[in-house]
Amino acid sequence: MTLEILTPEKKLYSGEVYGIQLPGITGLFEVLDQHAPLVSALGKGNVKILKDKTNTEQYSIQSGFVEVLNNKVTVLVEGVTA
């Protein structure tokens, strides 16, 4: 699936991924290939990009939103630290 992570200042990440773990406002959740359409608010926590089954990349965020549609995940975040 395709992932884009955007901040107000720049595009933080763009590419094909295996999945992504996100800090929802009511708890952690994961989006994998062919996930159902979804829009959700994000809380403070870690965004973990699953590049494949063994490689990951992680960012800490303050808040944001995620949209999942047609096997594309768009994450809009604020307060990012690597």
C-alpha atoms as a PDB file:
ATOM      1  CA  MET A   1       0.000   0.000   0.000  1.00  0.00           C
ATOM      2  CA  THR A   2       1.042   3.614  -0.470  1.00  0.00           C
ATOM      3  CA  LEU A   3       1.804   5.827   2.533  1.00  0.00           C
ATOM      4  CA  GLU A   4       2.209   9.607   2.760  1.00  0.00           C
ATOM      5  CA  ILE A   5       2.980  11.400   6.020  1.00  0.00           C
ATOM      6  CA  LEU A   6       2.587  15.177   5.815  1.00  0.00           C
ATOM      7  CA  THR A   7       3.330  17.996   8.258  1.00  0.00           C
ATOM      8  CA  PRO A   8       2.345  21.653   7.773  1.00  0.00           C
ATOM      9  CA  GLU A   9       5.952  22.299   6.692  1.00  0.00           C
ATOM     10  CA  LYS A  10       6.883  19.314   4.489  1.00  0.00           C
ATOM     11  CA  LYS A  11       6.293  15.794   3.245  1.00  0.00           C
ATOM     12  CA  LEU A  12       7.846  13.578   5.913  1.00  0.00           C
ATOM     13  CA  TYR A  13       7.465  10.209   4.179  1.00  0.00           C
ATOM     14  CA  SER A  14       6.202   8.873   0.863  1.00  0.00           C
ATOM     15  CA  GLY A  15       6.423   5.335  -0.457  1.00  0.00           C
ATOM     16  CA  GLU A  16       5.196   1.747  -0.503  1.00  0.00           C
ATOM     17  CA  VAL A  17       4.888   0.072   2.908  1.00  0.00           C
ATOM     18  CA  TYR A  18       3.753  -3.197   4.487  1.00  0.00           C
ATOM     19  CA  GLY A  19       1.728  -1.393   7.169  1.00  0.00           C
ATOM     20  CA  ILE A  20       1.622   1.400   9.742  1.00  0.00           C
ATOM     21  CA  GLN A  21       0.902   1.540  13.480  1.00  0.00           C
ATOM     22  CA  LEU A  22      -0.811   4.719  14.685  1.00  0.00           C
ATOM     23  CA  PRO A  23      -1.716   6.252  18.061  1.00  0.00           C
ATOM     24  CA  GLY A  24      -5.483   6.740  17.883  1.00  0.00           C
ATOM     25  CA  ILE A  25      -7.145   8.926  20.488  1.00  0.00           C
ATOM     26  CA  THR A  26      -8.588   5.798  22.150  1.00  0.00           C
ATOM     27  CA  GLY A  27      -5.581   3.515  21.615  1.00  0.00           C
ATOM     28  CA  LEU A  28      -3.016   2.115  19.232  1.00  0.00           C
ATOM     29  CA  PHE A  29      -4.193   0.618  15.919  1.00  0.00           C
ATOM     30  CA  GLU A  30      -2.603  -0.789  12.774  1.00  0.00           C
ATOM     31  CA  VAL A  31      -3.421  -0.418   9.081  1.00  0.00           C
ATOM     32  CA  LEU A  32      -2.313  -3.144   6.659  1.00  0.00           C
ATOM     33  CA  ASP A  33      -2.731  -3.802   2.923  1.00  0.00           C
ATOM     34  CA  GLN A  34      -6.323  -3.553   1.596  1.00  0.00           C
ATOM     35  CA  HIS A  35      -7.679  -2.008   4.826  1.00  0.00           C
ATOM     36  CA  ALA A  36     -11.275  -0.781   4.774  1.00  0.00           C
ATOM     37  CA  PRO A  37     -11.802   2.976   4.264  1.00  0.00           C
ATOM     38  CA  LEU A  38     -11.181   4.908   7.473  1.00  0.00           C
ATOM     39  CA  VAL A  39     -10.809   8.433   8.851  1.00  0.00           C
ATOM     40  CA  SER A  40      -9.530   8.815  12.409  1.00  0.00           C
ATOM     41  CA  ALA A  41      -8.075  11.409  14.769  1.00  0.00           C
ATOM     42  CA  LEU A  42      -4.637  10.681  16.188  1.00  0.00           C
ATOM     43  CA  GLY A  43      -3.351  11.433  19.665  1.00  0.00           C
ATOM     44  CA  LYS A  44       0.099  11.862  21.143  1.00  0.00           C
ATOM     45  CA  GLY A  45       2.322   8.828  20.563  1.00  0.00           C
ATOM     46  CA  ASN A  46       4.505   6.982  18.075  1.00  0.00           C
ATOM     47  CA  VAL A  47       3.825   6.390  14.386  1.00  0.00           C
ATOM     48  CA  LYS A  48       5.608   3.188  13.382  1.00  0.00           C
ATOM     49  CA  ILE A  49       6.079   2.594   9.648  1.00  0.00           C
ATOM     50  CA  LEU A  50       6.377  -1.096   8.750  1.00  0.00           C
ATOM     51  CA  LYS A  51       8.486  -0.867   5.582  1.00  0.00           C
ATOM     52  CA  ASP A  52       8.401  -4.670   5.315  1.00  0.00           C
ATOM     53  CA  LYS A  53       8.102  -7.531   7.816  1.00  0.00           C
ATOM     54  CA  THR A  54      11.496  -6.736   9.415  1.00  0.00           C
ATOM     55  CA  ASN A  55      12.345  -3.036   8.753  1.00  0.00           C
ATOM     56  CA  THR A  56      10.617  -0.176  10.547  1.00  0.00           C
ATOM     57  CA  GLU A  57      10.865   3.600  10.900  1.00  0.00           C
ATOM     58  CA  GLN A  58       9.363   5.572  13.783  1.00  0.00           C
ATOM     59  CA  TYR A  59       8.232   9.139  14.487  1.00  0.00           C
ATOM     60  CA  SER A  60       6.803  10.694  17.642  1.00  0.00           C
ATOM     61  CA  ILE A  61       3.770  12.968  17.082  1.00  0.00           C
ATOM     62  CA  GLN A  62       1.610  15.318  19.168  1.00  0.00           C
ATOM     63  CA  SER A  63      -1.618  14.979  17.143  1.00  0.00           C
ATOM     64  CA  GLY A  64      -3.026  14.458  13.681  1.00  0.00           C
ATOM     65  CA  PHE A  65      -5.460  12.669  11.400  1.00  0.00           C
ATOM     66  CA  VAL A  66      -5.304   9.610   9.140  1.00  0.00           C
ATOM     67  CA  GLU A  67      -7.317   8.736   6.035  1.00  0.00           C
ATOM     68  CA  VAL A  68      -7.310   5.282   4.446  1.00  0.00           C
ATOM     69  CA  LEU A  69      -8.870   5.036   0.981  1.00  0.00           C
ATOM     70  CA  ASN A  70      -8.210   2.763  -2.023  1.00  0.00           C
ATOM     71  CA  ASN A  71      -5.080   1.210  -0.464  1.00  0.00           C
ATOM     72  CA  LYS A  72      -3.542   4.653   0.146  1.00  0.00           C
ATOM     73  CA  VAL A  73      -2.874   5.949   3.662  1.00  0.00           C
ATOM     74  CA  THR A  74      -2.519   9.705   4.187  1.00  0.00           C
ATOM     75  CA  VAL A  75      -1.372  10.856   7.633  1.00  0.00           C
ATOM     76  CA  LEU A  76      -1.467  14.552   8.577  1.00  0.00           C
ATOM     77  CA  VAL A  77       0.558  15.256  11.730  1.00  0.00           C
ATOM     78  CA  GLU A  78       1.773  18.076  13.974  1.00  0.00           C
ATOM     79  CA  GLY A  79       4.593  18.186  16.486  1.00  0.00           C
ATOM     80  CA  VAL A  80       6.827  15.549  14.871  1.00  0.00           C
ATOM     81  CA  THR A  81      10.171  14.334  16.209  1.00  0.00           C
ATOM     82  CA  ALA A  82      12.150  11.491  14.662  1.00  0.00           C
END
